[in-house]
Amino acid sequence: MKWLFRTSIAAVGALVATAGGAVATAIWLMFAEGDAEGRRLGFFGAVFVEVQQSLDGTTQLGAGIAQPLPLILSVVVVTGLILAVFATHDALLERKRQLLAGADRTIAPRDV
């Protein structure tokens, strides 16, 4: 049950991190090349921003998802990294408990 809860926390964290990265990339692409027209790809080709000049002189801006596969892979990889951090944390806590338990057994009372 503990690992199910941790996996769900890791998946939600990965979704938030990936969505934040995709939105930040889209915002960066909007302002990266100034007023140049065309389609710009970012976040490993997953996010696009398209800038077009209309006939009446206005600028049209569109953004969206070009390919979902990099986003899905990003969520999977970040989930795995978060789970690895949880596992490492558990291993270090267990090692600390072992060391403290061993230290308690080896300390003898002092004769004063």
N, C-alpha and C. Protein backbone atom coordinates (compact mmCIF):
# COMPACT_ATOMS: atom_id res chain seq x y z
N MET A 1 0.82 -1.19 0.00
CA MET A 1 0.00 0.00 0.00
C MET A 1 0.87 1.26 0.00
N LYS A 2 2.01 1.16 0.70
CA LYS A 2 2.93 2.30 0.77
C LYS A 2 3.46 2.66 -0.61
N TRP A 3 3.83 1.64 -1.39
CA TRP A 3 4.39 1.91 -2.71
C TRP A 3 3.32 2.33 -3.71
N LEU A 4 2.09 1.90 -3.52
CA LEU A 4 1.01 2.37 -4.38
C LEU A 4 0.79 3.86 -4.17
N PHE A 5 0.80 4.29 -2.93
CA PHE A 5 0.65 5.71 -2.61
C PHE A 5 1.83 6.50 -3.17
N ARG A 6 3.03 5.99 -3.01
CA ARG A 6 4.20 6.68 -3.53
C ARG A 6 4.21 6.74 -5.05
N THR A 7 3.75 5.67 -5.69
CA THR A 7 3.68 5.67 -7.15
C THR A 7 2.68 6.71 -7.64
N SER A 8 1.56 6.83 -6.96
CA SER A 8 0.59 7.84 -7.37
C SER A 8 1.13 9.25 -7.13
N ILE A 9 1.84 9.47 -6.04
CA ILE A 9 2.46 10.77 -5.79
C ILE A 9 3.50 11.07 -6.87
N ALA A 10 4.30 10.06 -7.22
CA ALA A 10 5.32 10.25 -8.25
C ALA A 10 4.70 10.55 -9.61
N ALA A 11 3.61 9.87 -9.93
CA ALA A 11 2.96 10.09 -11.22
C ALA A 11 2.36 11.50 -11.30
N VAL A 12 1.72 11.93 -10.22
CA VAL A 12 1.15 13.29 -10.21
C VAL A 12 2.27 14.33 -10.29
N GLY A 13 3.34 14.11 -9.56
CA GLY A 13 4.48 15.03 -9.62
C GLY A 13 5.09 15.07 -11.01
N ALA A 14 5.18 13.92 -11.66
CA ALA A 14 5.72 13.87 -13.02
C ALA A 14 4.80 14.58 -14.01
N LEU A 15 3.48 14.42 -13.84
CA LEU A 15 2.53 15.12 -14.70
C LEU A 15 2.66 16.63 -14.54
N VAL A 16 2.77 17.09 -13.32
CA VAL A 16 2.90 18.52 -13.06
C VAL A 16 4.21 19.06 -13.64
N ALA A 17 5.30 18.33 -13.43
CA ALA A 17 6.59 18.77 -13.95
C ALA A 17 6.61 18.79 -15.47
N THR A 18 6.03 17.78 -16.10
CA THR A 18 6.00 17.72 -17.56
C THR A 18 5.11 18.81 -18.13
N ALA A 19 3.95 19.02 -17.52
CA ALA A 19 3.06 20.09 -17.99
C ALA A 19 3.72 21.45 -17.82
N GLY A 20 4.38 21.65 -16.71
CA GLY A 20 5.10 22.91 -16.49
C GLY A 20 6.20 23.12 -17.51
N GLY A 21 6.94 22.05 -17.80
CA GLY A 21 7.99 22.15 -18.81
C GLY A 21 7.44 22.44 -20.20
N ALA A 22 6.32 21.81 -20.54
CA ALA A 22 5.72 22.03 -21.85
C ALA A 22 5.18 23.46 -21.98
N VAL A 23 4.54 23.96 -20.94
CA VAL A 23 4.02 25.33 -20.97
C VAL A 23 5.16 26.34 -21.02
N ALA A 24 6.20 26.12 -20.23
CA ALA A 24 7.36 27.01 -20.25
C ALA A 24 8.02 27.01 -21.63
N THR A 25 8.09 25.85 -22.26
CA THR A 25 8.66 25.77 -23.60
C THR A 25 7.81 26.53 -24.61
N ALA A 26 6.49 26.39 -24.51
CA ALA A 26 5.60 27.12 -25.43
C ALA A 26 5.75 28.63 -25.25
N ILE A 27 5.84 29.08 -24.01
CA ILE A 27 6.02 30.51 -23.76
C ILE A 27 7.37 30.98 -24.30
N TRP A 28 8.38 30.17 -24.11
CA TRP A 28 9.71 30.52 -24.63
C TRP A 28 9.67 30.60 -26.15
N LEU A 29 9.02 29.68 -26.80
CA LEU A 29 8.95 29.68 -28.25
C LEU A 29 8.17 30.89 -28.79
N MET A 30 7.21 31.37 -28.02
CA MET A 30 6.44 32.54 -28.46
C MET A 30 7.31 33.78 -28.59
N PHE A 31 8.29 33.90 -27.71
CA PHE A 31 9.09 35.12 -27.69
C PHE A 31 10.53 34.92 -28.17
N ALA A 32 10.91 33.72 -28.55
CA ALA A 32 12.31 33.42 -28.85
C ALA A 32 12.80 34.08 -30.14
N GLU A 33 12.02 34.09 -31.18
CA GLU A 33 12.51 34.58 -32.47
C GLU A 33 11.83 35.87 -32.91
N GLY A 34 11.28 36.60 -31.98
CA GLY A 34 10.70 37.89 -32.31
C GLY A 34 9.48 37.77 -33.19
N ASP A 35 9.45 38.55 -34.27
CA ASP A 35 8.28 38.59 -35.13
C ASP A 35 8.40 37.68 -36.35
N ALA A 36 9.31 36.74 -36.33
CA ALA A 36 9.48 35.82 -37.46
C ALA A 36 8.26 34.91 -37.57
N GLU A 37 7.78 34.75 -38.79
CA GLU A 37 6.62 33.89 -39.02
C GLU A 37 7.05 32.44 -39.11
N GLY A 38 6.09 31.55 -38.94
CA GLY A 38 6.35 30.12 -39.12
C GLY A 38 6.00 29.31 -37.89
N ARG A 39 6.33 28.05 -37.99
CA ARG A 39 6.03 27.09 -36.94
C ARG A 39 7.32 26.74 -36.22
N ARG A 40 7.27 26.78 -34.90
CA ARG A 40 8.43 26.46 -34.08
C ARG A 40 8.08 25.27 -33.19
N LEU A 41 9.00 24.33 -33.11
CA LEU A 41 8.80 23.14 -32.28
C LEU A 41 9.71 23.18 -31.07
N GLY A 42 9.23 22.63 -29.96
CA GLY A 42 10.03 22.56 -28.74
C GLY A 42 9.64 21.35 -27.91
N PHE A 43 10.35 21.17 -26.80
CA PHE A 43 10.16 20.02 -25.90
C PHE A 43 10.23 18.70 -26.68
N PHE A 44 11.34 18.53 -27.37
CA PHE A 44 11.61 17.34 -28.17
C PHE A 44 10.58 17.13 -29.28
N GLY A 45 10.08 18.22 -29.82
CA GLY A 45 9.11 18.14 -30.91
C GLY A 45 7.68 17.92 -30.47
N ALA A 46 7.40 18.02 -29.19
CA ALA A 46 6.05 17.75 -28.69
C ALA A 46 5.15 18.98 -28.74
N VAL A 47 5.71 20.16 -28.54
CA VAL A 47 4.92 21.39 -28.45
C VAL A 47 5.25 22.26 -29.65
N PHE A 48 4.23 22.90 -30.23
CA PHE A 48 4.48 23.83 -31.32
C PHE A 48 3.84 25.17 -31.06
N VAL A 49 4.44 26.19 -31.65
CA VAL A 49 3.89 27.55 -31.67
C VAL A 49 3.95 28.00 -33.11
N GLU A 50 2.83 28.50 -33.60
CA GLU A 50 2.74 28.92 -35.00
C GLU A 50 2.35 30.40 -35.05
N VAL A 51 3.15 31.19 -35.75
CA VAL A 51 2.91 32.61 -35.90
C VAL A 51 2.65 32.90 -37.37
N GLN A 52 1.53 33.62 -37.63
CA GLN A 52 1.18 33.98 -39.01
C GLN A 52 0.67 35.42 -39.05
N GLN A 53 1.02 36.11 -40.11
CA GLN A 53 0.50 37.45 -40.35
C GLN A 53 -0.75 37.32 -41.21
N SER A 54 -1.85 37.94 -40.78
CA SER A 54 -3.07 37.90 -41.58
C SER A 54 -3.05 39.06 -42.58
N LEU A 55 -4.00 39.05 -43.51
CA LEU A 55 -4.04 40.07 -44.55
C LEU A 55 -4.33 41.47 -44.01
N ASP A 56 -5.02 41.55 -42.91
CA ASP A 56 -5.34 42.88 -42.36
C ASP A 56 -4.23 43.42 -41.45
N GLY A 57 -3.11 42.75 -41.37
CA GLY A 57 -1.95 43.22 -40.62
C GLY A 57 -1.84 42.73 -39.20
N THR A 58 -2.77 41.94 -38.75
CA THR A 58 -2.68 41.42 -37.39
C THR A 58 -1.85 40.14 -37.37
N THR A 59 -1.35 39.84 -36.21
CA THR A 59 -0.55 38.63 -36.03
C THR A 59 -1.39 37.58 -35.33
N GLN A 60 -1.42 36.39 -35.91
CA GLN A 60 -2.16 35.28 -35.31
C GLN A 60 -1.16 34.33 -34.67
N LEU A 61 -1.49 33.89 -33.49
CA LEU A 61 -0.61 33.00 -32.73
C LEU A 61 -1.39 31.75 -32.36
N GLY A 62 -0.82 30.61 -32.65
CA GLY A 62 -1.42 29.34 -32.28
C GLY A 62 -0.40 28.46 -31.58
N ALA A 63 -0.86 27.70 -30.63
CA ALA A 63 0.03 26.79 -29.90
C ALA A 63 -0.71 25.48 -29.65
N GLY A 64 0.03 24.40 -29.54
CA GLY A 64 -0.61 23.12 -29.29
C GLY A 64 0.41 22.00 -29.16
N ILE A 65 -0.09 20.78 -29.21
CA ILE A 65 0.75 19.59 -29.09
C ILE A 65 0.92 18.98 -30.47
N ALA A 66 2.16 18.85 -30.91
CA ALA A 66 2.45 18.26 -32.20
C ALA A 66 2.52 16.73 -32.10
N GLN A 67 3.23 16.25 -31.09
CA GLN A 67 3.37 14.81 -30.88
C GLN A 67 3.27 14.52 -29.37
N PRO A 68 2.40 13.63 -28.97
CA PRO A 68 2.28 13.36 -27.54
C PRO A 68 3.34 12.39 -26.99
N LEU A 69 4.02 11.66 -27.85
CA LEU A 69 4.97 10.65 -27.38
C LEU A 69 6.07 11.22 -26.48
N PRO A 70 6.72 12.35 -26.83
CA PRO A 70 7.74 12.88 -25.90
C PRO A 70 7.16 13.27 -24.55
N LEU A 71 5.93 13.73 -24.53
CA LEU A 71 5.31 14.08 -23.24
C LEU A 71 5.06 12.83 -22.41
N ILE A 72 4.59 11.77 -23.04
CA ILE A 72 4.33 10.51 -22.33
C ILE A 72 5.64 9.92 -21.79
N LEU A 73 6.67 9.92 -22.64
CA LEU A 73 7.97 9.40 -22.20
C LEU A 73 8.54 10.23 -21.06
N SER A 74 8.34 11.53 -21.11
CA SER A 74 8.81 12.40 -20.04
C SER A 74 8.11 12.07 -18.73
N VAL A 75 6.82 11.84 -18.76
CA VAL A 75 6.09 11.48 -17.54
C VAL A 75 6.60 10.16 -16.98
N VAL A 76 6.83 9.19 -17.85
CA VAL A 76 7.32 7.88 -17.40
C VAL A 76 8.72 7.99 -16.78
N VAL A 77 9.60 8.73 -17.44
CA VAL A 77 10.97 8.86 -16.94
C VAL A 77 11.01 9.63 -15.62
N VAL A 78 10.27 10.72 -15.53
CA VAL A 78 10.27 11.50 -14.29
C VAL A 78 9.63 10.70 -13.15
N THR A 79 8.59 9.92 -13.45
CA THR A 79 8.00 9.05 -12.43
C THR A 79 9.03 8.06 -11.92
N GLY A 80 9.78 7.46 -12.82
CA GLY A 80 10.84 6.52 -12.42
C GLY A 80 11.91 7.19 -11.57
N LEU A 81 12.29 8.40 -11.93
CA LEU A 81 13.30 9.11 -11.14
C LEU A 81 12.79 9.43 -9.73
N ILE A 82 11.53 9.85 -9.63
CA ILE A 82 10.96 10.15 -8.32
C ILE A 82 10.88 8.87 -7.48
N LEU A 83 10.49 7.77 -8.09
CA LEU A 83 10.44 6.49 -7.35
C LEU A 83 11.84 6.05 -6.92
N ALA A 84 12.85 6.32 -7.74
CA ALA A 84 14.23 6.00 -7.37
C ALA A 84 14.67 6.83 -6.17
N VAL A 85 14.25 8.09 -6.12
CA VAL A 85 14.57 8.93 -4.97
C VAL A 85 13.89 8.38 -3.71
N PHE A 86 12.63 7.97 -3.83
CA PHE A 86 11.93 7.37 -2.69
C PHE A 86 12.66 6.10 -2.20
N ALA A 87 13.07 5.24 -3.13
CA ALA A 87 13.75 4.00 -2.75
C ALA A 87 15.09 4.29 -2.09
N THR A 88 15.84 5.26 -2.62
CA THR A 88 17.12 5.63 -2.03
C THR A 88 16.92 6.20 -0.63
N HIS A 89 15.90 7.01 -0.47
CA HIS A 89 15.60 7.58 0.85
C HIS A 89 15.28 6.48 1.85
N ASP A 90 14.46 5.50 1.44
CA ASP A 90 14.14 4.39 2.34
C ASP A 90 15.39 3.58 2.71
N ALA A 91 16.26 3.34 1.73
CA ALA A 91 17.48 2.58 2.00
C ALA A 91 18.39 3.34 2.97
N LEU A 92 18.49 4.64 2.80
CA LEU A 92 19.34 5.43 3.71
C LEU A 92 18.75 5.48 5.12
N LEU A 93 17.43 5.59 5.23
CA LEU A 93 16.81 5.56 6.56
C LEU A 93 17.02 4.22 7.25
N GLU A 94 16.91 3.13 6.50
CA GLU A 94 17.14 1.80 7.07
C GLU A 94 18.59 1.65 7.52
N ARG A 95 19.51 2.17 6.71
CA ARG A 95 20.93 2.10 7.08
C ARG A 95 21.19 2.92 8.35
N LYS A 96 20.55 4.08 8.46
CA LYS A 96 20.70 4.90 9.65
C LYS A 96 20.18 4.16 10.88
N ARG A 97 19.03 3.49 10.74
CA ARG A 97 18.48 2.72 11.86
C ARG A 97 19.43 1.60 12.29
N GLN A 98 20.02 0.92 11.30
CA GLN A 98 20.97 -0.14 11.60
C GLN A 98 22.19 0.41 12.33
N LEU A 99 22.71 1.52 11.85
CA LEU A 99 23.90 2.09 12.49
C LEU A 99 23.60 2.57 13.91
N LEU A 100 22.43 3.19 14.10
CA LEU A 100 22.08 3.63 15.44
C LEU A 100 21.82 2.45 16.38
N ALA A 101 21.22 1.39 15.87
CA ALA A 101 20.99 0.20 16.69
C ALA A 101 22.32 -0.45 17.07
N GLY A 102 23.27 -0.48 16.15
CA GLY A 102 24.58 -1.03 16.45
C GLY A 102 25.36 -0.18 17.42
N ALA A 103 25.19 1.13 17.35
CA ALA A 103 25.90 2.02 18.26
C ALA A 103 25.34 1.89 19.67
N ASP A 104 24.06 1.65 19.81
CA ASP A 104 23.47 1.49 21.14
C ASP A 104 23.98 0.24 21.83
N ARG A 105 24.23 -0.81 21.07
CA ARG A 105 24.70 -2.06 21.67
C ARG A 105 26.17 -2.00 22.05
N THR A 106 26.96 -1.21 21.34
CA THR A 106 28.39 -1.20 21.60
C THR A 106 28.80 -0.20 22.66
N ILE A 107 27.94 0.73 23.01
CA ILE A 107 28.30 1.74 24.02
C ILE A 107 28.09 1.12 25.40
N ALA A 108 29.16 1.09 26.17
CA ALA A 108 29.10 0.56 27.53
C ALA A 108 29.01 1.72 28.50
N PRO A 109 28.36 1.48 29.63
CA PRO A 109 28.31 2.57 30.62
C PRO A 109 29.69 2.85 31.16
N ARG A 110 29.94 4.12 31.43
CA ARG A 110 31.25 4.54 31.93
C ARG A 110 31.31 4.37 33.46
N ASP A 111 32.50 4.05 33.88
CA ASP A 111 32.75 4.03 35.31
C ASP A 111 33.30 5.40 35.69
N VAL A 112 32.59 6.10 36.53
CA VAL A 112 33.03 7.42 36.91
C VAL A 112 33.59 7.43 38.30
